[in-house]
Amino acid sequence: MEYNNDFKFDLSRGKIGEEHLAKILEDKTLEVKTDSWIARTQNIAVEYESRGKPSGIATTEADYWVFVFDGRYNKEVILIMDTERLKKIARDYHSRGSIKKMGDNNTSVAVLIPLCELISKV
């Protein structure tokens, strides 16, 4: 990668990222999940069942899933992921048995994906 200590050069490179993000957000559907446990567990929970029925990632029609990191992150960190990629990773962790009951009265079931693993698979 070419190095240049010039703000105008950096700005033009930054605009490429901005345009890519705009394409993600424009005319796409997003499923937004706010997770206050990420900081404590270092896992992302991807729900796939609630009250004995498919839900969450199993039924979503969203193009992208958005995780808003709450808790000590104060909603200042956001991860946007292509839904199909997330489904593939979630299936892998589900097959490994990385699942947890959660939610009100433990009526939901989610796949737990370690945040560091999720990032390394991107």
PDB file of N, CA and C in Angstrom:
ATOM      1  N   MET A   1       0.829  -1.169   0.000  1.00  0.00           N
ATOM      2  CA  MET A   1       0.000   0.000   0.000  1.00  0.00           C
ATOM      3  C   MET A   1       0.875   1.235   0.000  1.00  0.00           C
ATOM      4  N   GLU A   2       0.510   2.182  -0.775  1.00  0.00           N
ATOM      5  CA  GLU A   2       1.258   3.417  -0.895  1.00  0.00           C
ATOM      6  C   GLU A   2       1.080   4.264   0.360  1.00  0.00           C
ATOM      7  N   TYR A   3       2.182   4.814   0.863  1.00  0.00           N
ATOM      8  CA  TYR A   3       2.126   5.669   2.048  1.00  0.00           C
ATOM      9  C   TYR A   3       2.223   7.117   1.623  1.00  0.00           C
ATOM     10  N   ASN A   4       1.389   7.944   2.215  1.00  0.00           N
ATOM     11  CA  ASN A   4       1.421   9.366   1.918  1.00  0.00           C
ATOM     12  C   ASN A   4       0.921  10.104   3.147  1.00  0.00           C
ATOM     13  N   ASN A   5       1.710  11.014   3.651  1.00  0.00           N
ATOM     14  CA  ASN A   5       1.356  11.780   4.840  1.00  0.00           C
ATOM     15  C   ASN A   5       0.646  13.074   4.449  1.00  0.00           C
ATOM     16  N   ASP A   6      -0.348  12.941   3.615  1.00  0.00           N
ATOM     17  CA  ASP A   6      -1.063  14.099   3.088  1.00  0.00           C
ATOM     18  C   ASP A   6      -2.552  13.919   3.375  1.00  0.00           C
ATOM     19  N   PHE A   7      -3.162  14.892   4.044  1.00  0.00           N
ATOM     20  CA  PHE A   7      -4.572  14.787   4.408  1.00  0.00           C
ATOM     21  C   PHE A   7      -5.450  14.571   3.187  1.00  0.00           C
ATOM     22  N   LYS A   8      -5.187  15.258   2.083  1.00  0.00           N
ATOM     23  CA  LYS A   8      -6.037  15.113   0.894  1.00  0.00           C
ATOM     24  C   LYS A   8      -5.964  13.693   0.343  1.00  0.00           C
ATOM     25  N   PHE A   9      -4.775  13.086   0.377  1.00  0.00           N
ATOM     26  CA  PHE A   9      -4.633  11.705  -0.068  1.00  0.00           C
ATOM     27  C   PHE A   9      -5.436  10.776   0.841  1.00  0.00           C
ATOM     28  N   ASP A  10      -5.276  10.959   2.160  1.00  0.00           N
ATOM     29  CA  ASP A  10      -6.015  10.130   3.124  1.00  0.00           C
ATOM     30  C   ASP A  10      -7.517  10.325   2.978  1.00  0.00           C
ATOM     31  N   LEU A  11      -7.942  11.539   2.718  1.00  0.00           N
ATOM     32  CA  LEU A  11      -9.355  11.833   2.548  1.00  0.00           C
ATOM     33  C   LEU A  11      -9.923  11.083   1.342  1.00  0.00           C
ATOM     34  N   SER A  12      -9.188  11.058   0.250  1.00  0.00           N
ATOM     35  CA  SER A  12      -9.682  10.346  -0.936  1.00  0.00           C
ATOM     36  C   SER A  12      -9.782   8.849  -0.667  1.00  0.00           C
ATOM     37  N   ARG A  13      -8.840   8.290   0.095  1.00  0.00           N
ATOM     38  CA  ARG A  13      -8.903   6.867   0.452  1.00  0.00           C
ATOM     39  C   ARG A  13     -10.082   6.610   1.385  1.00  0.00           C
ATOM     40  N   GLY A  14     -10.325   7.542   2.309  1.00  0.00           N
ATOM     41  CA  GLY A  14     -11.436   7.406   3.242  1.00  0.00           C
ATOM     42  C   GLY A  14     -12.781   7.444   2.541  1.00  0.00           C
ATOM     43  N   LYS A  15     -12.885   8.227   1.494  1.00  0.00           N
ATOM     44  CA  LYS A  15     -14.135   8.334   0.745  1.00  0.00           C
ATOM     45  C   LYS A  15     -14.516   6.994   0.118  1.00  0.00           C
ATOM     46  N   ILE A  16     -13.546   6.193  -0.241  1.00  0.00           N
ATOM     47  CA  ILE A  16     -13.832   4.862  -0.792  1.00  0.00           C
ATOM     48  C   ILE A  16     -14.584   4.033   0.247  1.00  0.00           C
ATOM     49  N   GLY A  17     -14.114   4.068   1.493  1.00  0.00           N
ATOM     50  CA  GLY A  17     -14.797   3.355   2.570  1.00  0.00           C
ATOM     51  C   GLY A  17     -16.186   3.910   2.821  1.00  0.00           C
ATOM     52  N   GLU A  18     -16.323   5.224   2.761  1.00  0.00           N
ATOM     53  CA  GLU A  18     -17.628   5.853   2.957  1.00  0.00           C
ATOM     54  C   GLU A  18     -18.610   5.423   1.872  1.00  0.00           C
ATOM     55  N   GLU A  19     -18.141   5.360   0.643  1.00  0.00           N
ATOM     56  CA  GLU A  19     -18.996   4.940  -0.465  1.00  0.00           C
ATOM     57  C   GLU A  19     -19.422   3.480  -0.309  1.00  0.00           C
ATOM     58  N   HIS A  20     -18.506   2.645   0.160  1.00  0.00           N
ATOM     59  CA  HIS A  20     -18.840   1.234   0.384  1.00  0.00           C
ATOM     60  C   HIS A  20     -19.914   1.112   1.461  1.00  0.00           C
ATOM     61  N   LEU A  21     -19.767   1.850   2.551  1.00  0.00           N
ATOM     62  CA  LEU A  21     -20.766   1.821   3.618  1.00  0.00           C
ATOM     63  C   LEU A  21     -22.104   2.337   3.116  1.00  0.00           C
ATOM     64  N   ALA A  22     -22.084   3.376   2.310  1.00  0.00           N
ATOM     65  CA  ALA A  22     -23.332   3.910   1.755  1.00  0.00           C
ATOM     66  C   ALA A  22     -24.037   2.857   0.909  1.00  0.00           C
ATOM     67  N   LYS A  23     -23.280   2.070   0.141  1.00  0.00           N
ATOM     68  CA  LYS A  23     -23.879   1.004  -0.670  1.00  0.00           C
ATOM     69  C   LYS A  23     -24.498  -0.077   0.215  1.00  0.00           C
ATOM     70  N   ILE A  24     -23.864  -0.355   1.350  1.00  0.00           N
ATOM     71  CA  ILE A  24     -24.416  -1.341   2.276  1.00  0.00           C
ATOM     72  C   ILE A  24     -25.749  -0.854   2.819  1.00  0.00           C
ATOM     73  N   LEU A  25     -25.812   0.404   3.180  1.00  0.00           N
ATOM     74  CA  LEU A  25     -27.003   0.935   3.831  1.00  0.00           C
ATOM     75  C   LEU A  25     -28.114   1.309   2.860  1.00  0.00           C
ATOM     76  N   GLU A  26     -27.752   1.620   1.629  1.00  0.00           N
ATOM     77  CA  GLU A  26     -28.746   2.064   0.658  1.00  0.00           C
ATOM     78  C   GLU A  26     -29.519   0.882   0.088  1.00  0.00           C
ATOM     79  N   ASP A  27     -30.825   0.951   0.179  1.00  0.00           N
ATOM     80  CA  ASP A  27     -31.708  -0.066  -0.391  1.00  0.00           C
ATOM     81  C   ASP A  27     -31.457  -1.472   0.138  1.00  0.00           C
ATOM     82  N   LYS A  28     -30.910  -1.584   1.329  1.00  0.00           N
ATOM     83  CA  LYS A  28     -30.678  -2.885   1.955  1.00  0.00           C
ATOM     84  C   LYS A  28     -31.480  -2.937   3.243  1.00  0.00           C
ATOM     85  N   THR A  29     -31.775  -4.137   3.669  1.00  0.00           N
ATOM     86  CA  THR A  29     -32.466  -4.301   4.945  1.00  0.00           C
ATOM     87  C   THR A  29     -31.454  -4.687   6.007  1.00  0.00           C
ATOM     88  N   LEU A  30     -31.651  -4.137   7.195  1.00  0.00           N
ATOM     89  CA  LEU A  30     -30.751  -4.380   8.310  1.00  0.00           C
ATOM     90  C   LEU A  30     -31.546  -4.928   9.486  1.00  0.00           C
ATOM     91  N   GLU A  31     -30.985  -5.897  10.162  1.00  0.00           N
ATOM     92  CA  GLU A  31     -31.547  -6.362  11.425  1.00  0.00           C
ATOM     93  C   GLU A  31     -30.572  -5.901  12.500  1.00  0.00           C
ATOM     94  N   VAL A  32     -31.044  -5.071  13.413  1.00  0.00           N
ATOM     95  CA  VAL A  32     -30.176  -4.460  14.411  1.00  0.00           C
ATOM     96  C   VAL A  32     -30.406  -5.116  15.771  1.00  0.00           C
ATOM     97  N   LYS A  33     -29.326  -5.572  16.374  1.00  0.00           N
ATOM     98  CA  LYS A  33     -29.360  -6.211  17.681  1.00  0.00           C
ATOM     99  C   LYS A  33     -28.454  -5.422  18.622  1.00  0.00           C
ATOM    100  N   THR A  34     -29.004  -5.004  19.743  1.00  0.00           N
ATOM    101  CA  THR A  34     -28.200  -4.342  20.766  1.00  0.00           C
ATOM    102  C   THR A  34     -27.855  -5.371  21.822  1.00  0.00           C
ATOM    103  N   ASP A  35     -26.569  -5.517  22.098  1.00  0.00           N
ATOM    104  CA  ASP A  35     -26.104  -6.566  23.007  1.00  0.00           C
ATOM    105  C   ASP A  35     -25.292  -5.948  24.136  1.00  0.00           C
ATOM    106  N   SER A  36     -25.803  -6.060  25.348  1.00  0.00           N
ATOM    107  CA  SER A  36     -25.096  -5.495  26.499  1.00  0.00           C
ATOM    108  C   SER A  36     -24.160  -6.503  27.162  1.00  0.00           C
ATOM    109  N   TRP A  37     -24.141  -7.737  26.673  1.00  0.00           N
ATOM    110  CA  TRP A  37     -23.302  -8.779  27.279  1.00  0.00           C
ATOM    111  C   TRP A  37     -21.954  -8.948  26.587  1.00  0.00           C
ATOM    112  N   ILE A  38     -21.779  -8.384  25.418  1.00  0.00           N
ATOM    113  CA  ILE A  38     -20.554  -8.607  24.645  1.00  0.00           C
ATOM    114  C   ILE A  38     -19.301  -8.261  25.446  1.00  0.00           C
ATOM    115  N   ALA A  39     -19.315  -7.142  26.129  1.00  0.00           N
ATOM    116  CA  ALA A  39     -18.127  -6.723  26.883  1.00  0.00           C
ATOM    117  C   ALA A  39     -17.773  -7.726  27.975  1.00  0.00           C
ATOM    118  N   ARG A  40     -18.783  -8.335  28.576  1.00  0.00           N
ATOM    119  CA  ARG A  40     -18.535  -9.283  29.675  1.00  0.00           C
ATOM    120  C   ARG A  40     -18.166 -10.669  29.169  1.00  0.00           C
ATOM    121  N   THR A  41     -18.846 -11.132  28.136  1.00  0.00           N
ATOM    122  CA  THR A  41     -18.654 -12.518  27.693  1.00  0.00           C
ATOM    123  C   THR A  41     -17.687 -12.659  26.529  1.00  0.00           C
ATOM    124  N   GLN A  42     -17.483 -11.576  25.791  1.00  0.00           N
ATOM    125  CA  GLN A  42     -16.678 -11.598  24.560  1.00  0.00           C
ATOM    126  C   GLN A  42     -17.287 -12.524  23.505  1.00  0.00           C
ATOM    127  N   ASN A  43     -18.598 -12.779  23.627  1.00  0.00           N
ATOM    128  CA  ASN A  43     -19.336 -13.594  22.663  1.00  0.00           C
ATOM    129  C   ASN A  43     -20.450 -12.773  22.043  1.00  0.00           C
ATOM    130  N   ILE A  44     -20.745 -13.074  20.794  1.00  0.00           N
ATOM    131  CA  ILE A  44     -21.936 -12.532  20.157  1.00  0.00           C
ATOM    132  C   ILE A  44     -22.977 -13.638  20.192  1.00  0.00           C
ATOM    133  N   ALA A  45     -24.168 -13.299  20.650  1.00  0.00           N
ATOM    134  CA  ALA A  45     -25.266 -14.261  20.710  1.00  0.00           C
ATOM    135  C   ALA A  45     -26.158 -14.057  19.490  1.00  0.00           C
ATOM    136  N   VAL A  46     -26.348 -15.115  18.723  1.00  0.00           N
ATOM    137  CA  VAL A  46     -27.177 -15.059  17.525  1.00  0.00           C
ATOM    138  C   VAL A  46     -28.383 -15.973  17.755  1.00  0.00           C
ATOM    139  N   GLU A  47     -29.510 -15.354  18.049  1.00  0.00           N
ATOM    140  CA  GLU A  47     -30.727 -16.116  18.331  1.00  0.00           C
ATOM    141  C   GLU A  47     -31.200 -16.837  17.070  1.00  0.00           C
ATOM    142  N   TYR A  48     -31.681 -18.084  17.286  1.00  0.00           N
ATOM    143  CA  TYR A  48     -32.250 -18.828  16.158  1.00  0.00           C
ATOM    144  C   TYR A  48     -33.571 -19.510  16.522  1.00  0.00           C
ATOM    145  N   GLU A  49     -33.948 -19.446  17.789  1.00  0.00           N
ATOM    146  CA  GLU A  49     -35.202 -20.075  18.215  1.00  0.00           C
ATOM    147  C   GLU A  49     -35.774 -19.308  19.402  1.00  0.00           C
ATOM    148  N   SER A  50     -37.101 -19.177  19.421  1.00  0.00           N
ATOM    149  CA  SER A  50     -37.774 -18.559  20.556  1.00  0.00           C
ATOM    150  C   SER A  50     -39.108 -19.258  20.787  1.00  0.00           C
ATOM    151  N   ARG A  51     -39.311 -19.678  22.008  1.00  0.00           N
ATOM    152  CA  ARG A  51     -40.537 -20.367  22.393  1.00  0.00           C
ATOM    153  C   ARG A  51     -40.829 -21.572  21.489  1.00  0.00           C
ATOM    154  N   GLY A  52     -39.762 -22.297  21.150  1.00  0.00           N
ATOM    155  CA  GLY A  52     -39.899 -23.518  20.364  1.00  0.00           C
ATOM    156  C   GLY A  52     -40.077 -23.315  18.872  1.00  0.00           C
ATOM    157  N   LYS A  53     -39.982 -22.070  18.398  1.00  0.00           N
ATOM    158  CA  LYS A  53     -40.167 -21.793  16.968  1.00  0.00           C
ATOM    159  C   LYS A  53     -38.943 -21.081  16.408  1.00  0.00           C
ATOM    160  N   PRO A  54     -38.661 -21.291  15.111  1.00  0.00           N
ATOM    161  CA  PRO A  54     -37.545 -20.572  14.501  1.00  0.00           C
ATOM    162  C   PRO A  54     -37.727 -19.057  14.647  1.00  0.00           C
ATOM    163  N   SER A  55     -36.626 -18.374  14.897  1.00  0.00           N
ATOM    164  CA  SER A  55     -36.648 -16.924  15.033  1.00  0.00           C
ATOM    165  C   SER A  55     -35.264 -16.381  14.683  1.00  0.00           C
ATOM    166  N   GLY A  56     -35.090 -15.092  14.811  1.00  0.00           N
ATOM    167  CA  GLY A  56     -33.779 -14.478  14.625  1.00  0.00           C
ATOM    168  C   GLY A  56     -33.146 -14.817  13.290  1.00  0.00           C
ATOM    169  N   ILE A  57     -31.939 -15.353  13.353  1.00  0.00           N
ATOM    170  CA  ILE A  57     -31.162 -15.638  12.142  1.00  0.00           C
ATOM    171  C   ILE A  57     -31.850 -16.689  11.275  1.00  0.00           C
ATOM    172  N   ALA A  58     -32.659 -17.554  11.877  1.00  0.00           N
ATOM    173  CA  ALA A  58     -33.338 -18.613  11.125  1.00  0.00           C
ATOM    174  C   ALA A  58     -34.481 -18.072  10.272  1.00  0.00           C
ATOM    175  N   THR A  59     -35.003 -16.926  10.627  1.00  0.00           N
ATOM    176  CA  THR A  59     -36.161 -16.392   9.900  1.00  0.00           C
ATOM    177  C   THR A  59     -35.918 -15.023   9.274  1.00  0.00           C
ATOM    178  N   THR A  60     -34.773 -14.446   9.518  1.00  0.00           N
ATOM    179  CA  THR A  60     -34.524 -13.083   9.050  1.00  0.00           C
ATOM    180  C   THR A  60     -34.579 -12.976   7.532  1.00  0.00           C
ATOM    181  N   GLU A  61     -35.004 -11.844   7.075  1.00  0.00           N
ATOM    182  CA  GLU A  61     -34.966 -11.513   5.649  1.00  0.00           C
ATOM    183  C   GLU A  61     -34.009 -10.357   5.396  1.00  0.00           C
ATOM    184  N   ALA A  62     -33.281  -9.972   6.433  1.00  0.00           N
ATOM    185  CA  ALA A  62     -32.361  -8.832   6.336  1.00  0.00           C
ATOM    186  C   ALA A  62     -31.129  -9.183   5.520  1.00  0.00           C
ATOM    187  N   ASP A  63     -30.628  -8.208   4.795  1.00  0.00           N
ATOM    188  CA  ASP A  63     -29.391  -8.383   4.031  1.00  0.00           C
ATOM    189  C   ASP A  63     -28.168  -8.370   4.954  1.00  0.00           C
ATOM    190  N   TYR A  64     -28.251  -7.546   5.997  1.00  0.00           N
ATOM    191  CA  TYR A  64     -27.131  -7.390   6.933  1.00  0.00           C
ATOM    192  C   TYR A  64     -27.640  -7.447   8.358  1.00  0.00           C
ATOM    193  N   TRP A  65     -26.795  -7.997   9.244  1.00  0.00           N
ATOM    194  CA  TRP A  65     -27.067  -7.951  10.675  1.00  0.00           C
ATOM    195  C   TRP A  65     -26.130  -6.925  11.276  1.00  0.00           C
ATOM    196  N   VAL A  66     -26.670  -6.125  12.175  1.00  0.00           N
ATOM    197  CA  VAL A  66     -25.916  -5.072  12.836  1.00  0.00           C
ATOM    198  C   VAL A  66     -25.923  -5.353  14.329  1.00  0.00           C
ATOM    199  N   PHE A  67     -24.745  -5.447  14.916  1.00  0.00           N
ATOM    200  CA  PHE A  67     -24.620  -5.623  16.355  1.00  0.00           C
ATOM    201  C   PHE A  67     -24.163  -4.305  16.950  1.00  0.00           C
ATOM    202  N   VAL A  68     -24.966  -3.756  17.845  1.00  0.00           N
ATOM    203  CA  VAL A  68     -24.610  -2.549  18.573  1.00  0.00           C
ATOM    204  C   VAL A  68     -24.112  -3.001  19.934  1.00  0.00           C
ATOM    205  N   PHE A  69     -22.872  -2.721  20.221  1.00  0.00           N
ATOM    206  CA  PHE A  69     -22.262  -3.148  21.472  1.00  0.00           C
ATOM    207  C   PHE A  69     -22.644  -2.156  22.559  1.00  0.00           C
ATOM    208  N   ASP A  70     -23.415  -2.633  23.516  1.00  0.00           N
ATOM    209  CA  ASP A  70     -23.866  -1.779  24.610  1.00  0.00           C
ATOM    210  C   ASP A  70     -23.021  -2.087  25.850  1.00  0.00           C
ATOM    211  N   GLY A  71     -23.548  -1.845  27.008  1.00  0.00           N
ATOM    212  CA  GLY A  71     -22.780  -2.065  28.234  1.00  0.00           C
ATOM    213  C   GLY A  71     -21.661  -1.051  28.314  1.00  0.00           C
ATOM    214  N   ARG A  72     -20.463  -1.512  28.619  1.00  0.00           N
ATOM    215  CA  ARG A  72     -19.360  -0.556  28.785  1.00  0.00           C
ATOM    216  C   ARG A  72     -18.935   0.093  27.466  1.00  0.00           C
ATOM    217  N   TYR A  73     -19.395  -0.451  26.337  1.00  0.00           N
ATOM    218  CA  TYR A  73     -19.094   0.178  25.047  1.00  0.00           C
ATOM    219  C   TYR A  73     -19.996   1.377  24.770  1.00  0.00           C
ATOM    220  N   ASN A  74     -21.079   1.514  25.556  1.00  0.00           N
ATOM    221  CA  ASN A  74     -21.983   2.663  25.439  1.00  0.00           C
ATOM    222  C   ASN A  74     -22.495   2.895  24.025  1.00  0.00           C
ATOM    223  N   LYS A  75     -22.726   1.828  23.295  1.00  0.00           N
ATOM    224  CA  LYS A  75     -23.248   1.901  21.928  1.00  0.00           C
ATOM    225  C   LYS A  75     -22.315   2.654  20.986  1.00  0.00           C
ATOM    226  N   GLU A  76     -21.032   2.692  21.319  1.00  0.00           N
ATOM    227  CA  GLU A  76     -20.043   3.394  20.498  1.00  0.00           C
ATOM    228  C   GLU A  76     -19.343   2.467  19.513  1.00  0.00           C
ATOM    229  N   VAL A  77     -19.628   1.151  19.587  1.00  0.00           N
ATOM    230  CA  VAL A  77     -19.020   0.179  18.681  1.00  0.00           C
ATOM    231  C   VAL A  77     -20.148  -0.561  17.983  1.00  0.00           C
ATOM    232  N   ILE A  78     -20.049  -0.625  16.664  1.00  0.00           N
ATOM    233  CA  ILE A  78     -21.082  -1.274  15.854  1.00  0.00           C
ATOM    234  C   ILE A  78     -20.395  -2.194  14.849  1.00  0.00           C
ATOM    235  N   LEU A  79     -20.919  -3.399  14.721  1.00  0.00           N
ATOM    236  CA  LEU A  79     -20.416  -4.372  13.754  1.00  0.00           C
ATOM    237  C   LEU A  79     -21.526  -4.657  12.752  1.00  0.00           C
ATOM    238  N   ILE A  80     -21.229  -4.512  11.472  1.00  0.00           N
ATOM    239  CA  ILE A  80     -22.189  -4.805  10.408  1.00  0.00           C
ATOM    240  C   ILE A  80     -21.671  -6.023   9.658  1.00  0.00           C
ATOM    241  N   MET A  81     -22.533  -7.039   9.498  1.00  0.00           N
ATOM    242  CA  MET A  81     -22.095  -8.269   8.848  1.00  0.00           C
ATOM    243  C   MET A  81     -23.140  -8.761   7.860  1.00  0.00           C
ATOM    244  N   ASP A  82     -22.684  -9.218   6.718  1.00  0.00           N
ATOM    245  CA  ASP A  82     -23.553  -9.821   5.726  1.00  0.00           C
ATOM    246  C   ASP A  82     -24.264 -11.018   6.370  1.00  0.00           C
ATOM    247  N   THR A  83     -25.567 -11.074   6.224  1.00  0.00           N
ATOM    248  CA  THR A  83     -26.363 -12.111   6.887  1.00  0.00           C
ATOM    249  C   THR A  83     -25.949 -13.516   6.463  1.00  0.00           C
ATOM    250  N   GLU A  84     -25.702 -13.721   5.191  1.00  0.00           N
ATOM    251  CA  GLU A  84     -25.325 -15.067   4.738  1.00  0.00           C
ATOM    252  C   GLU A  84     -24.004 -15.512   5.347  1.00  0.00           C
ATOM    253  N   ARG A  85     -23.066 -14.606   5.481  1.00  0.00           N
ATOM    254  CA  ARG A  85     -21.785 -14.940   6.115  1.00  0.00           C
ATOM    255  C   ARG A  85     -22.012 -15.285   7.587  1.00  0.00           C
ATOM    256  N   LEU A  86     -22.843 -14.495   8.259  1.00  0.00           N
ATOM    257  CA  LEU A  86     -23.145 -14.761   9.663  1.00  0.00           C
ATOM    258  C   LEU A  86     -23.834 -16.108   9.828  1.00  0.00           C
ATOM    259  N   LYS A  87     -24.762 -16.438   8.934  1.00  0.00           N
ATOM    260  CA  LYS A  87     -25.437 -17.740   9.005  1.00  0.00           C
ATOM    261  C   LYS A  87     -24.436 -18.884   8.902  1.00  0.00           C
ATOM    262  N   LYS A  88     -23.498 -18.763   7.997  1.00  0.00           N
ATOM    263  CA  LYS A  88     -22.494 -19.817   7.814  1.00  0.00           C
ATOM    264  C   LYS A  88     -21.662 -20.003   9.086  1.00  0.00           C
ATOM    265  N   ILE A  89     -21.227 -18.898   9.676  1.00  0.00           N
ATOM    266  CA  ILE A  89     -20.437 -18.973  10.899  1.00  0.00           C
ATOM    267  C   ILE A  89     -21.288 -19.523  12.042  1.00  0.00           C
ATOM    268  N   ALA A  90     -22.538 -19.078  12.136  1.00  0.00           N
ATOM    269  CA  ALA A  90     -23.435 -19.549  13.198  1.00  0.00           C
ATOM    270  C   ALA A  90     -23.680 -21.050  13.075  1.00  0.00           C
ATOM    271  N   ARG A  91     -23.858 -21.547  11.858  1.00  0.00           N
ATOM    272  CA  ARG A  91     -24.043 -22.997  11.670  1.00  0.00           C
ATOM    273  C   ARG A  91     -22.832 -23.768  12.172  1.00  0.00           C
ATOM    274  N   ASP A  92     -21.654 -23.254  11.901  1.00  0.00           N
ATOM    275  CA  ASP A  92     -20.423 -23.905  12.341  1.00  0.00           C
ATOM    276  C   ASP A  92     -20.393 -24.000  13.868  1.00  0.00           C
ATOM    277  N   TYR A  93     -20.686 -22.916  14.547  1.00  0.00           N
ATOM    278  CA  TYR A  93     -20.661 -22.930  16.009  1.00  0.00           C
ATOM    279  C   TYR A  93     -21.818 -23.732  16.589  1.00  0.00           C
ATOM    280  N   HIS A  94     -22.937 -23.741  15.911  1.00  0.00           N
ATOM    281  CA  HIS A  94     -24.060 -24.575  16.364  1.00  0.00           C
ATOM    282  C   HIS A  94     -23.658 -26.050  16.318  1.00  0.00           C
ATOM    283  N   SER A  95     -23.006 -26.445  15.244  1.00  0.00           N
ATOM    284  CA  SER A  95     -22.591 -27.851  15.126  1.00  0.00           C
ATOM    285  C   SER A  95     -21.564 -28.236  16.184  1.00  0.00           C
ATOM    286  N   ARG A  96     -20.856 -27.253  16.718  1.00  0.00           N
ATOM    287  CA  ARG A  96     -19.888 -27.503  17.791  1.00  0.00           C
ATOM    288  C   ARG A  96     -20.562 -27.522  19.167  1.00  0.00           C
ATOM    289  N   GLY A  97     -21.856 -27.205  19.197  1.00  0.00           N
ATOM    290  CA  GLY A  97     -22.580 -27.205  20.461  1.00  0.00           C
ATOM    291  C   GLY A  97     -22.470 -25.912  21.241  1.00  0.00           C
ATOM    292  N   SER A  98     -22.049 -24.862  20.598  1.00  0.00           N
ATOM    293  CA  SER A  98     -21.907 -23.576  21.266  1.00  0.00           C
ATOM    294  C   SER A  98     -23.257 -22.855  21.280  1.00  0.00           C
ATOM    295  N   ILE A  99     -24.158 -23.352  22.110  1.00  0.00           N
ATOM    296  CA  ILE A  99     -25.512 -22.802  22.178  1.00  0.00           C
ATOM    297  C   ILE A  99     -25.853 -22.473  23.625  1.00  0.00           C
ATOM    298  N   LYS A 100     -26.800 -21.560  23.794  1.00  0.00           N
ATOM    299  CA  LYS A 100     -27.195 -21.152  25.135  1.00  0.00           C
ATOM    300  C   LYS A 100     -28.644 -20.707  25.138  1.00  0.00           C
ATOM    301  N   LYS A 101     -29.371 -21.154  26.153  1.00  0.00           N
ATOM    302  CA  LYS A 101     -30.720 -20.645  26.371  1.00  0.00           C
ATOM    303  C   LYS A 101     -30.590 -19.282  27.022  1.00  0.00           C
ATOM    304  N   MET A 102     -31.452 -18.362  26.621  1.00  0.00           N
ATOM    305  CA  MET A 102     -31.373 -17.012  27.166  1.00  0.00           C
ATOM    306  C   MET A 102     -32.694 -16.302  27.000  1.00  0.00           C
ATOM    307  N   GLY A 103     -32.720 -15.056  27.361  1.00  0.00           N
ATOM    308  CA  GLY A 103     -33.931 -14.258  27.235  1.00  0.00           C
ATOM    309  C   GLY A 103     -34.850 -14.468  28.416  1.00  0.00           C
ATOM    310  N   ASP A 104     -36.052 -13.915  28.306  1.00  0.00           N
ATOM    311  CA  ASP A 104     -37.040 -14.036  29.371  1.00  0.00           C
ATOM    312  C   ASP A 104     -37.365 -15.502  29.636  1.00  0.00           C
ATOM    313  N   ASN A 105     -37.114 -15.946  30.845  1.00  0.00           N
ATOM    314  CA  ASN A 105     -37.379 -17.327  31.264  1.00  0.00           C
ATOM    315  C   ASN A 105     -36.658 -18.366  30.405  1.00  0.00           C
ATOM    316  N   ASN A 106     -35.537 -17.986  29.813  1.00  0.00           N
ATOM    317  CA  ASN A 106     -34.752 -18.895  28.965  1.00  0.00           C
ATOM    318  C   ASN A 106     -35.588 -19.511  27.847  1.00  0.00           C
ATOM    319  N   THR A 107     -36.463 -18.717  27.248  1.00  0.00           N
ATOM    320  CA  THR A 107     -37.325 -19.231  26.186  1.00  0.00           C
ATOM    321  C   THR A 107     -36.709 -19.084  24.798  1.00  0.00           C
ATOM    322  N   SER A 108     -35.549 -18.454  24.714  1.00  0.00           N
ATOM    323  CA  SER A 108     -34.867 -18.305  23.425  1.00  0.00           C
ATOM    324  C   SER A 108     -33.577 -19.111  23.438  1.00  0.00           C
ATOM    325  N   VAL A 109     -33.137 -19.496  22.256  1.00  0.00           N
ATOM    326  CA  VAL A 109     -31.882 -20.237  22.122  1.00  0.00           C
ATOM    327  C   VAL A 109     -31.018 -19.489  21.111  1.00  0.00           C
ATOM    328  N   ALA A 110     -29.747 -19.352  21.457  1.00  0.00           N
ATOM    329  CA  ALA A 110     -28.816 -18.629  20.592  1.00  0.00           C
ATOM    330  C   ALA A 110     -27.525 -19.409  20.422  1.00  0.00           C
ATOM    331  N   VAL A 111     -26.878 -19.161  19.315  1.00  0.00           N
ATOM    332  CA  VAL A 111     -25.528 -19.659  19.075  1.00  0.00           C
ATOM    333  C   VAL A 111     -24.588 -18.608  19.647  1.00  0.00           C
ATOM    334  N   LEU A 112     -23.591 -19.051  20.398  1.00  0.00           N
ATOM    335  CA  LEU A 112     -22.583 -18.129  20.916  1.00  0.00           C
ATOM    336  C   LEU A 112     -21.343 -18.208  20.035  1.00  0.00           C
ATOM    337  N   ILE A 113     -20.944 -17.058  19.533  1.00  0.00           N
ATOM    338  CA  ILE A 113     -19.763 -16.982  18.670  1.00  0.00           C
ATOM    339  C   ILE A 113     -18.762 -16.055  19.348  1.00  0.00           C
ATOM    340  N   PRO A 114     -17.572 -16.568  19.681  1.00  0.00           N
ATOM    341  CA  PRO A 114     -16.562 -15.692  20.278  1.00  0.00           C
ATOM    342  C   PRO A 114     -16.255 -14.520  19.340  1.00  0.00           C
ATOM    343  N   LEU A 115     -16.264 -13.329  19.903  1.00  0.00           N
ATOM    344  CA  LEU A 115     -16.043 -12.134  19.095  1.00  0.00           C
ATOM    345  C   LEU A 115     -14.731 -12.203  18.328  1.00  0.00           C
ATOM    346  N   CYS A 116     -13.661 -12.659  18.975  1.00  0.00           N
ATOM    347  CA  CYS A 116     -12.377 -12.739  18.280  1.00  0.00           C
ATOM    348  C   CYS A 116     -12.432 -13.735  17.128  1.00  0.00           C
ATOM    349  N   GLU A 117     -13.180 -14.817  17.273  1.00  0.00           N
ATOM    350  CA  GLU A 117     -13.333 -15.799  16.191  1.00  0.00           C
ATOM    351  C   GLU A 117     -14.157 -15.220  15.049  1.00  0.00           C
ATOM    352  N   LEU A 118     -15.202 -14.489  15.410  1.00  0.00           N
ATOM    353  CA  LEU A 118     -16.056 -13.884  14.396  1.00  0.00           C
ATOM    354  C   LEU A 118     -15.239 -12.935  13.527  1.00  0.00           C
ATOM    355  N   ILE A 119     -14.444 -12.118  14.145  1.00  0.00           N
ATOM    356  CA  ILE A 119     -13.621 -11.153  13.417  1.00  0.00           C
ATOM    357  C   ILE A 119     -12.576 -11.873  12.565  1.00  0.00           C
ATOM    358  N   SER A 120     -12.006 -12.950  13.080  1.00  0.00           N
ATOM    359  CA  SER A 120     -10.965 -13.654  12.313  1.00  0.00           C
ATOM    360  C   SER A 120     -11.540 -14.391  11.109  1.00  0.00           C
ATOM    361  N   LYS A 121     -12.845 -14.669  11.108  1.00  0.00           N
ATOM    362  CA  LYS A 121     -13.475 -15.377   9.990  1.00  0.00           C
ATOM    363  C   LYS A 121     -13.987 -14.418   8.928  1.00  0.00           C
ATOM    364  N   VAL A 122     -13.886 -13.135   9.187  1.00  0.00           N
ATOM    365  CA  VAL A 122     -14.386 -12.146   8.233  1.00  0.00           C
ATOM    366  C   VAL A 122     -13.435 -11.949   7.152  1.00  0.00           C
TER     367      VAL A 122
END
